[in-house]
């Protein structure tokens, strides 16, 4: 599912800078009707990512990309951060699911990534974007303490937004 969320993130950014309102609305709809319901469990986990060979890294990527989509597409008329499925799933649940494993990676209850386990986490963009949305200070404090300029190519490749500060308003 990594490719689908990556594509929607790219399209969201592209359509936003081009002011393609109908296409922006289509991206919002896809987030609400395809990505969130098909990728997130009620506990906030991403089961498709947890079954992969690098469940930690892929879960981080998926959450970064979804948070970036919410950050880019939310506007005065609709805040995707607050969009909630009938069963209570919303992006904040995914943040609450992953955050303890970022604050204390040794608590990760799933298989370790087969590669690059030691390189994660880094300053994940979702932490900064979520702090801006929810004002949860621990997320900002954690983001501040993590590596902001990773050197490992695989980690860099899996950061959908490398400098989230420039995306803040």
N, C-alpha and C. Protein backbone atom coordinates (compact mmCIF):
# COMPACT_ATOMS: atom_id res chain seq x y z
N UNK A 1 0.82 -1.20 0.00
CA UNK A 1 0.00 0.00 0.00
C UNK A 1 0.86 1.26 0.00
N UNK A 2 2.17 1.07 0.17
CA UNK A 2 3.07 2.21 0.21
C UNK A 2 2.95 3.04 -1.06
N UNK A 3 2.83 2.39 -2.20
CA UNK A 3 2.76 3.13 -3.46
C UNK A 3 1.48 3.94 -3.57
N UNK A 4 0.37 3.42 -3.08
CA UNK A 4 -0.90 4.14 -3.14
C UNK A 4 -0.87 5.40 -2.29
N UNK A 5 -0.38 5.29 -1.08
CA UNK A 5 -0.32 6.46 -0.21
C UNK A 5 0.70 7.47 -0.75
N UNK A 6 1.80 6.99 -1.32
CA UNK A 6 2.78 7.89 -1.93
C UNK A 6 2.19 8.65 -3.11
N UNK A 7 1.44 7.94 -3.93
CA UNK A 7 0.81 8.57 -5.10
C UNK A 7 -0.19 9.63 -4.66
N UNK A 8 -1.01 9.32 -3.67
CA UNK A 8 -2.00 10.31 -3.21
C UNK A 8 -1.30 11.53 -2.61
N UNK A 9 -0.20 11.33 -1.92
CA UNK A 9 0.56 12.46 -1.37
C UNK A 9 1.09 13.33 -2.51
N UNK A 10 1.68 12.73 -3.51
CA UNK A 10 2.21 13.48 -4.65
C UNK A 10 1.10 14.24 -5.37
N UNK A 11 -0.01 13.58 -5.62
CA UNK A 11 -1.12 14.24 -6.30
C UNK A 11 -1.70 15.37 -5.45
N UNK A 12 -1.79 15.15 -4.15
CA UNK A 12 -2.32 16.19 -3.26
C UNK A 12 -1.49 17.45 -3.36
N UNK A 13 -0.19 17.29 -3.29
CA UNK A 13 0.70 18.44 -3.38
C UNK A 13 0.58 19.11 -4.75
N UNK A 14 0.62 18.31 -5.78
CA UNK A 14 0.56 18.84 -7.14
C UNK A 14 -0.74 19.60 -7.39
N UNK A 15 -1.85 19.02 -7.03
CA UNK A 15 -3.14 19.66 -7.28
C UNK A 15 -3.32 20.91 -6.43
N UNK A 16 -2.73 20.91 -5.23
CA UNK A 16 -2.85 22.07 -4.36
C UNK A 16 -2.10 23.26 -4.93
N UNK A 17 -0.87 23.04 -5.39
CA UNK A 17 -0.12 24.18 -5.93
C UNK A 17 -0.70 24.67 -7.26
N UNK A 18 -1.43 23.78 -7.93
CA UNK A 18 -2.08 24.18 -9.18
C UNK A 18 -3.50 24.69 -8.97
N UNK A 19 -3.97 24.66 -7.74
CA UNK A 19 -5.33 25.08 -7.39
C UNK A 19 -6.38 24.33 -8.20
N UNK A 20 -6.19 23.03 -8.31
CA UNK A 20 -7.13 22.16 -9.03
C UNK A 20 -8.18 21.66 -8.03
N UNK A 21 -9.18 22.48 -7.76
CA UNK A 21 -10.12 22.20 -6.66
C UNK A 21 -10.86 20.89 -6.81
N UNK A 22 -11.30 20.55 -7.98
CA UNK A 22 -12.03 19.29 -8.16
C UNK A 22 -11.12 18.10 -7.87
N UNK A 23 -9.87 18.19 -8.27
CA UNK A 23 -8.93 17.10 -8.04
C UNK A 23 -8.51 17.05 -6.57
N UNK A 24 -8.43 18.20 -5.93
CA UNK A 24 -8.15 18.23 -4.49
C UNK A 24 -9.27 17.51 -3.74
N UNK A 25 -10.50 17.80 -4.10
CA UNK A 25 -11.64 17.13 -3.47
C UNK A 25 -11.60 15.63 -3.70
N UNK A 26 -11.17 15.22 -4.89
CA UNK A 26 -11.05 13.79 -5.19
C UNK A 26 -9.99 13.16 -4.29
N UNK A 27 -8.88 13.84 -4.06
CA UNK A 27 -7.85 13.32 -3.16
C UNK A 27 -8.38 13.20 -1.73
N UNK A 28 -9.14 14.18 -1.28
CA UNK A 28 -9.74 14.11 0.05
C UNK A 28 -10.67 12.90 0.16
N UNK A 29 -11.47 12.71 -0.87
CA UNK A 29 -12.40 11.58 -0.87
C UNK A 29 -11.66 10.26 -0.83
N UNK A 30 -10.60 10.14 -1.61
CA UNK A 30 -9.81 8.90 -1.61
C UNK A 30 -9.17 8.64 -0.25
N UNK A 31 -8.71 9.69 0.40
CA UNK A 31 -8.15 9.52 1.75
C UNK A 31 -9.22 8.95 2.68
N UNK A 32 -10.42 9.52 2.62
CA UNK A 32 -11.50 9.14 3.54
C UNK A 32 -12.14 7.80 3.21
N UNK A 33 -12.19 7.44 1.93
CA UNK A 33 -12.92 6.24 1.53
C UNK A 33 -12.04 5.06 1.12
N UNK A 34 -10.76 5.31 0.87
CA UNK A 34 -9.88 4.21 0.44
C UNK A 34 -8.72 4.03 1.43
N UNK A 35 -7.92 5.06 1.60
CA UNK A 35 -6.71 4.91 2.43
C UNK A 35 -7.04 4.58 3.88
N UNK A 36 -7.75 5.45 4.54
CA UNK A 36 -8.01 5.25 5.96
C UNK A 36 -8.78 3.96 6.24
N UNK A 37 -9.90 3.70 5.56
CA UNK A 37 -10.63 2.47 5.90
C UNK A 37 -9.92 1.18 5.50
N UNK A 38 -9.10 1.21 4.46
CA UNK A 38 -8.46 -0.01 4.00
C UNK A 38 -7.10 -0.27 4.63
N UNK A 39 -6.52 0.74 5.27
CA UNK A 39 -5.17 0.55 5.78
C UNK A 39 -5.06 0.58 7.30
N UNK A 40 -6.03 1.14 7.99
CA UNK A 40 -5.91 1.29 9.44
C UNK A 40 -6.88 0.39 10.19
N UNK A 41 -6.36 -0.24 11.23
CA UNK A 41 -7.17 -1.03 12.14
C UNK A 41 -7.76 -0.10 13.21
N UNK A 42 -8.79 -0.53 13.93
CA UNK A 42 -9.36 0.31 14.98
C UNK A 42 -8.36 0.76 16.06
N UNK A 43 -7.29 -0.01 16.26
CA UNK A 43 -6.29 0.39 17.26
C UNK A 43 -5.28 1.41 16.73
N UNK A 44 -5.38 1.74 15.44
CA UNK A 44 -4.48 2.72 14.84
C UNK A 44 -3.30 2.09 14.10
N UNK A 45 -3.18 0.78 14.14
CA UNK A 45 -2.07 0.11 13.45
C UNK A 45 -2.37 0.00 11.95
N UNK A 46 -1.32 -0.26 11.20
CA UNK A 46 -1.43 -0.49 9.76
C UNK A 46 -1.07 -1.96 9.50
N UNK A 47 -2.07 -2.85 9.48
CA UNK A 47 -1.78 -4.29 9.42
C UNK A 47 -1.03 -4.72 8.16
N UNK A 48 -1.26 -4.07 7.04
CA UNK A 48 -0.53 -4.44 5.83
C UNK A 48 0.96 -4.15 5.99
N UNK A 49 1.28 -3.07 6.67
CA UNK A 49 2.68 -2.74 6.90
C UNK A 49 3.29 -3.66 7.95
N UNK A 50 2.51 -4.04 8.95
CA UNK A 50 3.02 -4.90 10.02
C UNK A 50 3.36 -6.31 9.51
N UNK A 51 2.79 -6.71 8.38
CA UNK A 51 3.08 -8.03 7.81
C UNK A 51 4.29 -8.02 6.88
N UNK A 52 4.86 -6.86 6.63
CA UNK A 52 5.98 -6.76 5.71
C UNK A 52 7.31 -7.05 6.42
N UNK A 53 8.38 -7.09 5.63
CA UNK A 53 9.69 -7.43 6.19
C UNK A 53 10.29 -6.30 7.03
N UNK A 54 9.81 -5.09 6.84
CA UNK A 54 10.28 -3.95 7.63
C UNK A 54 9.06 -3.24 8.23
N UNK A 55 8.37 -3.92 9.16
CA UNK A 55 7.11 -3.37 9.67
C UNK A 55 7.25 -2.02 10.38
N UNK A 56 8.34 -1.80 11.07
CA UNK A 56 8.53 -0.54 11.79
C UNK A 56 8.74 0.60 10.79
N UNK A 57 9.68 0.45 9.91
CA UNK A 57 9.97 1.49 8.92
C UNK A 57 8.79 1.77 8.01
N UNK A 58 8.11 0.73 7.57
CA UNK A 58 6.96 0.94 6.68
C UNK A 58 5.77 1.56 7.41
N UNK A 59 5.60 1.22 8.68
CA UNK A 59 4.53 1.87 9.46
C UNK A 59 4.83 3.35 9.64
N UNK A 60 6.09 3.68 9.89
CA UNK A 60 6.48 5.08 10.00
C UNK A 60 6.24 5.82 8.69
N UNK A 61 6.65 5.20 7.58
CA UNK A 61 6.46 5.84 6.27
C UNK A 61 4.98 6.09 6.01
N UNK A 62 4.15 5.08 6.24
CA UNK A 62 2.72 5.20 5.97
C UNK A 62 2.11 6.32 6.81
N UNK A 63 2.49 6.39 8.07
CA UNK A 63 1.96 7.44 8.95
C UNK A 63 2.47 8.81 8.52
N UNK A 64 3.75 8.91 8.17
CA UNK A 64 4.29 10.18 7.66
C UNK A 64 3.52 10.64 6.42
N UNK A 65 3.30 9.72 5.49
CA UNK A 65 2.61 10.08 4.25
C UNK A 65 1.16 10.48 4.51
N UNK A 66 0.46 9.73 5.36
CA UNK A 66 -0.93 10.08 5.66
C UNK A 66 -1.03 11.42 6.39
N UNK A 67 -0.12 11.65 7.33
CA UNK A 67 -0.13 12.93 8.04
C UNK A 67 0.18 14.08 7.08
N UNK A 68 1.07 13.83 6.14
CA UNK A 68 1.40 14.85 5.15
C UNK A 68 0.20 15.15 4.25
N UNK A 69 -0.54 14.12 3.89
CA UNK A 69 -1.76 14.31 3.10
C UNK A 69 -2.75 15.17 3.88
N UNK A 70 -2.95 14.85 5.16
CA UNK A 70 -3.86 15.65 5.98
C UNK A 70 -3.37 17.09 6.09
N UNK A 71 -2.08 17.26 6.27
CA UNK A 71 -1.52 18.60 6.39
C UNK A 71 -1.72 19.41 5.12
N UNK A 72 -1.49 18.79 3.99
CA UNK A 72 -1.58 19.49 2.70
C UNK A 72 -3.03 19.76 2.31
N UNK A 73 -3.92 18.80 2.51
CA UNK A 73 -5.29 18.92 2.01
C UNK A 73 -6.28 19.58 2.96
N UNK A 74 -5.96 19.63 4.24
CA UNK A 74 -6.90 20.27 5.17
C UNK A 74 -6.97 21.76 4.90
N UNK A 75 -8.19 22.29 4.97
CA UNK A 75 -8.40 23.72 4.72
C UNK A 75 -9.56 24.21 5.58
N UNK A 76 -9.98 25.43 5.35
CA UNK A 76 -11.06 26.01 6.17
C UNK A 76 -12.35 25.20 6.09
N UNK A 77 -12.58 24.56 4.97
CA UNK A 77 -13.84 23.83 4.80
C UNK A 77 -13.79 22.40 5.33
N UNK A 78 -12.58 21.84 5.45
CA UNK A 78 -12.50 20.45 5.90
C UNK A 78 -11.13 20.17 6.51
N UNK A 79 -11.16 19.65 7.73
CA UNK A 79 -9.95 19.29 8.44
C UNK A 79 -9.84 17.77 8.44
N UNK A 80 -8.98 17.22 7.59
CA UNK A 80 -8.85 15.77 7.49
C UNK A 80 -8.26 15.15 8.76
N UNK A 81 -7.55 15.95 9.56
CA UNK A 81 -7.05 15.44 10.83
C UNK A 81 -8.20 14.98 11.73
N UNK A 82 -9.35 15.62 11.60
CA UNK A 82 -10.50 15.30 12.45
C UNK A 82 -11.49 14.35 11.79
N UNK A 83 -11.24 13.99 10.53
CA UNK A 83 -12.15 13.05 9.87
C UNK A 83 -12.14 11.73 10.63
N UNK A 84 -13.32 11.23 10.95
CA UNK A 84 -13.46 10.01 11.74
C UNK A 84 -14.41 9.05 11.03
N UNK A 85 -13.96 7.80 10.87
CA UNK A 85 -14.82 6.76 10.31
C UNK A 85 -15.87 6.37 11.34
N UNK A 86 -16.98 5.77 10.91
CA UNK A 86 -18.05 5.40 11.86
C UNK A 86 -17.58 4.56 13.05
N UNK A 87 -16.52 3.78 12.85
CA UNK A 87 -16.03 2.93 13.95
C UNK A 87 -14.99 3.64 14.83
N UNK A 88 -14.79 4.95 14.59
CA UNK A 88 -13.89 5.74 15.43
C UNK A 88 -12.47 5.88 14.90
N UNK A 89 -12.14 5.23 13.79
CA UNK A 89 -10.79 5.37 13.26
C UNK A 89 -10.57 6.76 12.69
N UNK A 90 -9.42 7.33 13.04
CA UNK A 90 -8.99 8.61 12.50
C UNK A 90 -7.47 8.64 12.61
N UNK A 91 -6.85 9.57 11.94
CA UNK A 91 -5.39 9.58 11.90
C UNK A 91 -4.76 9.71 13.28
N UNK A 92 -5.40 10.42 14.17
CA UNK A 92 -4.84 10.58 15.51
C UNK A 92 -4.63 9.23 16.20
N UNK A 93 -5.48 8.25 15.89
CA UNK A 93 -5.31 6.90 16.47
C UNK A 93 -4.00 6.27 16.01
N UNK A 94 -3.64 6.49 14.75
CA UNK A 94 -2.38 5.95 14.25
C UNK A 94 -1.19 6.61 14.93
N UNK A 95 -1.31 7.90 15.18
CA UNK A 95 -0.24 8.62 15.88
C UNK A 95 -0.11 8.08 17.31
N UNK A 96 -1.24 7.92 17.96
CA UNK A 96 -1.23 7.39 19.33
C UNK A 96 -0.73 5.95 19.37
N UNK A 97 -0.97 5.18 18.32
CA UNK A 97 -0.46 3.81 18.24
C UNK A 97 1.07 3.80 18.09
N UNK A 98 1.60 4.61 17.17
CA UNK A 98 3.03 4.57 16.87
C UNK A 98 3.90 5.35 17.85
N UNK A 99 3.36 6.40 18.43
CA UNK A 99 4.20 7.26 19.26
C UNK A 99 4.96 6.51 20.37
N UNK A 100 4.32 5.63 21.13
CA UNK A 100 5.09 4.94 22.18
C UNK A 100 6.29 4.16 21.63
N UNK A 101 6.18 3.67 20.41
CA UNK A 101 7.27 2.91 19.81
C UNK A 101 8.37 3.82 19.27
N UNK A 102 8.08 5.08 19.13
CA UNK A 102 9.10 6.05 18.74
C UNK A 102 9.80 6.57 20.00
N UNK A 103 9.00 6.87 21.00
CA UNK A 103 9.55 7.35 22.26
C UNK A 103 10.42 6.27 22.93
N UNK A 104 10.04 5.01 22.75
CA UNK A 104 10.77 3.89 23.33
C UNK A 104 10.73 2.72 22.35
N UNK A 105 11.64 2.72 21.42
CA UNK A 105 11.63 1.70 20.36
C UNK A 105 11.74 0.28 20.91
N UNK A 106 12.36 0.11 22.05
CA UNK A 106 12.50 -1.23 22.63
C UNK A 106 11.15 -1.84 23.02
N UNK A 107 10.11 -1.02 23.07
CA UNK A 107 8.77 -1.53 23.39
C UNK A 107 8.04 -2.07 22.16
N UNK A 108 8.65 -1.97 20.96
CA UNK A 108 8.04 -2.46 19.71
C UNK A 108 7.63 -3.91 19.89
N UNK A 109 6.35 -4.20 19.72
CA UNK A 109 5.80 -5.53 20.01
C UNK A 109 5.68 -6.42 18.78
N UNK A 110 6.29 -6.02 17.70
CA UNK A 110 6.19 -6.73 16.42
C UNK A 110 7.58 -7.14 15.98
N UNK A 111 7.68 -7.94 14.92
CA UNK A 111 9.03 -8.31 14.46
C UNK A 111 9.86 -7.08 14.09
N UNK A 112 11.15 -7.17 14.38
CA UNK A 112 12.07 -6.10 13.99
C UNK A 112 12.21 -6.10 12.47
N UNK A 113 12.50 -4.93 11.92
CA UNK A 113 12.77 -4.83 10.49
C UNK A 113 13.99 -5.69 10.16
N UNK A 114 13.94 -6.37 9.00
CA UNK A 114 15.07 -7.22 8.62
C UNK A 114 16.30 -6.40 8.23
N UNK A 115 16.10 -5.15 7.87
CA UNK A 115 17.20 -4.26 7.52
C UNK A 115 16.90 -2.87 8.08
N UNK A 116 17.93 -2.15 8.42
CA UNK A 116 17.85 -0.75 8.84
C UNK A 116 17.13 -0.54 10.17
N UNK A 117 16.99 -1.58 10.95
CA UNK A 117 16.32 -1.47 12.24
C UNK A 117 16.98 -0.40 13.11
N UNK A 118 18.29 -0.36 13.13
CA UNK A 118 19.02 0.56 14.00
C UNK A 118 18.90 2.02 13.55
N UNK A 119 18.57 2.25 12.30
CA UNK A 119 18.53 3.62 11.77
C UNK A 119 17.23 4.37 12.09
N UNK A 120 16.19 3.65 12.48
CA UNK A 120 14.90 4.28 12.80
C UNK A 120 14.77 4.42 14.30
N UNK A 121 13.97 5.34 14.78
CA UNK A 121 13.29 6.41 14.06
C UNK A 121 14.20 7.62 13.86
N UNK A 122 13.76 8.50 12.99
CA UNK A 122 14.39 9.79 12.80
C UNK A 122 13.32 10.84 13.08
N UNK A 123 13.60 12.08 12.79
CA UNK A 123 12.61 13.15 13.04
C UNK A 123 11.46 12.99 12.05
N UNK A 124 10.54 12.13 12.39
CA UNK A 124 9.41 11.81 11.51
C UNK A 124 8.51 13.03 11.35
N UNK A 125 8.19 13.41 10.11
CA UNK A 125 7.36 14.59 9.88
C UNK A 125 6.01 14.55 10.60
N UNK A 126 5.43 13.36 10.74
CA UNK A 126 4.10 13.31 11.37
C UNK A 126 4.13 13.87 12.78
N UNK A 127 5.26 13.74 13.48
CA UNK A 127 5.33 14.26 14.84
C UNK A 127 5.17 15.77 14.88
N UNK A 128 5.82 16.45 13.96
CA UNK A 128 5.74 17.91 13.91
C UNK A 128 4.36 18.36 13.43
N UNK A 129 3.85 17.74 12.37
CA UNK A 129 2.53 18.11 11.86
C UNK A 129 1.44 17.84 12.91
N UNK A 130 1.56 16.70 13.59
CA UNK A 130 0.56 16.36 14.61
C UNK A 130 0.65 17.31 15.80
N UNK A 131 1.87 17.71 16.17
CA UNK A 131 2.00 18.70 17.24
C UNK A 131 1.29 19.99 16.85
N UNK A 132 1.48 20.42 15.61
CA UNK A 132 0.84 21.67 15.17
C UNK A 132 -0.69 21.53 15.23
N UNK A 133 -1.19 20.36 14.94
CA UNK A 133 -2.64 20.14 14.94
C UNK A 133 -3.22 19.98 16.34
N UNK A 134 -2.53 19.18 17.19
CA UNK A 134 -3.11 18.80 18.48
C UNK A 134 -2.42 19.41 19.70
N UNK A 135 -1.31 20.09 19.51
CA UNK A 135 -0.56 20.73 20.60
C UNK A 135 -0.09 19.75 21.67
N UNK A 136 0.22 18.53 21.27
CA UNK A 136 0.75 17.53 22.21
C UNK A 136 2.26 17.73 22.30
N UNK A 137 2.70 18.35 23.40
CA UNK A 137 4.10 18.76 23.57
C UNK A 137 5.09 17.60 23.47
N UNK A 138 4.69 16.42 23.95
CA UNK A 138 5.63 15.29 23.92
C UNK A 138 6.00 14.92 22.48
N UNK A 139 5.07 15.11 21.54
CA UNK A 139 5.38 14.80 20.14
C UNK A 139 6.44 15.77 19.60
N UNK A 140 6.30 17.04 19.94
CA UNK A 140 7.29 18.02 19.51
C UNK A 140 8.64 17.76 20.18
N UNK A 141 8.63 17.47 21.47
CA UNK A 141 9.87 17.21 22.19
C UNK A 141 10.60 16.00 21.60
N UNK A 142 9.86 14.97 21.27
CA UNK A 142 10.47 13.78 20.67
C UNK A 142 11.03 14.11 19.30
N UNK A 143 10.25 14.82 18.48
CA UNK A 143 10.71 15.20 17.14
C UNK A 143 12.00 16.01 17.24
N UNK A 144 12.07 16.91 18.20
CA UNK A 144 13.25 17.76 18.37
C UNK A 144 14.50 16.94 18.68
N UNK A 145 14.35 15.87 19.44
CA UNK A 145 15.50 15.06 19.89
C UNK A 145 15.98 14.06 18.84
N UNK A 146 15.16 13.75 17.86
CA UNK A 146 15.53 12.73 16.88
C UNK A 146 16.44 13.29 15.79
N UNK A 147 17.06 12.40 15.05
CA UNK A 147 17.98 12.76 13.96
C UNK A 147 17.22 13.49 12.84
N UNK A 148 17.67 14.68 12.50
CA UNK A 148 17.02 15.49 11.47
C UNK A 148 17.67 15.37 10.11
N UNK A 149 18.87 14.86 10.06
CA UNK A 149 19.59 14.74 8.79
C UNK A 149 20.18 13.35 8.66
N UNK A 150 19.31 12.35 8.46
CA UNK A 150 19.82 10.98 8.37
C UNK A 150 20.76 10.82 7.17
N UNK A 151 21.68 9.89 7.30
CA UNK A 151 22.67 9.65 6.25
C UNK A 151 22.37 8.40 5.43
N UNK A 152 21.63 7.48 5.99
CA UNK A 152 21.34 6.21 5.32
C UNK A 152 20.35 6.44 4.18
N UNK A 153 20.75 6.04 2.99
CA UNK A 153 19.91 6.25 1.79
C UNK A 153 18.50 5.67 1.94
N UNK A 154 18.39 4.49 2.51
CA UNK A 154 17.08 3.84 2.68
C UNK A 154 16.18 4.67 3.58
N UNK A 155 16.73 5.26 4.60
CA UNK A 155 15.94 6.09 5.51
C UNK A 155 15.53 7.37 4.79
N UNK A 156 16.45 7.99 4.10
CA UNK A 156 16.14 9.21 3.35
C UNK A 156 15.05 8.93 2.32
N UNK A 157 15.16 7.81 1.62
CA UNK A 157 14.18 7.43 0.60
C UNK A 157 12.78 7.24 1.20
N UNK A 158 12.74 6.85 2.45
CA UNK A 158 11.45 6.58 3.10
C UNK A 158 10.95 7.72 3.96
N UNK A 159 11.46 8.91 3.74
CA UNK A 159 10.93 10.11 4.38
C UNK A 159 10.18 10.90 3.31
N UNK A 160 8.87 10.85 3.31
CA UNK A 160 8.13 11.54 2.25
C UNK A 160 8.29 13.06 2.28
N UNK A 161 8.52 13.61 3.46
CA UNK A 161 8.77 15.05 3.63
C UNK A 161 10.03 15.15 4.50
N UNK A 162 11.10 15.67 3.94
CA UNK A 162 12.38 15.69 4.66
C UNK A 162 12.56 16.91 5.54
N UNK A 163 11.95 18.01 5.19
CA UNK A 163 12.08 19.25 5.96
C UNK A 163 10.69 19.78 6.29
N UNK A 164 10.01 19.18 7.24
CA UNK A 164 8.62 19.57 7.51
C UNK A 164 8.45 21.01 8.00
N UNK A 165 9.50 21.59 8.56
CA UNK A 165 9.37 22.97 9.07
C UNK A 165 8.95 23.92 7.95
N UNK A 166 9.45 23.71 6.74
CA UNK A 166 9.11 24.63 5.66
C UNK A 166 7.65 24.48 5.22
N UNK A 167 6.98 23.43 5.69
CA UNK A 167 5.57 23.20 5.36
C UNK A 167 4.63 23.82 6.38
N UNK A 168 5.17 24.33 7.48
CA UNK A 168 4.33 24.92 8.51
C UNK A 168 3.89 26.31 8.12
N UNK A 169 2.72 26.69 8.59
CA UNK A 169 2.20 28.03 8.30
C UNK A 169 2.53 28.98 9.42
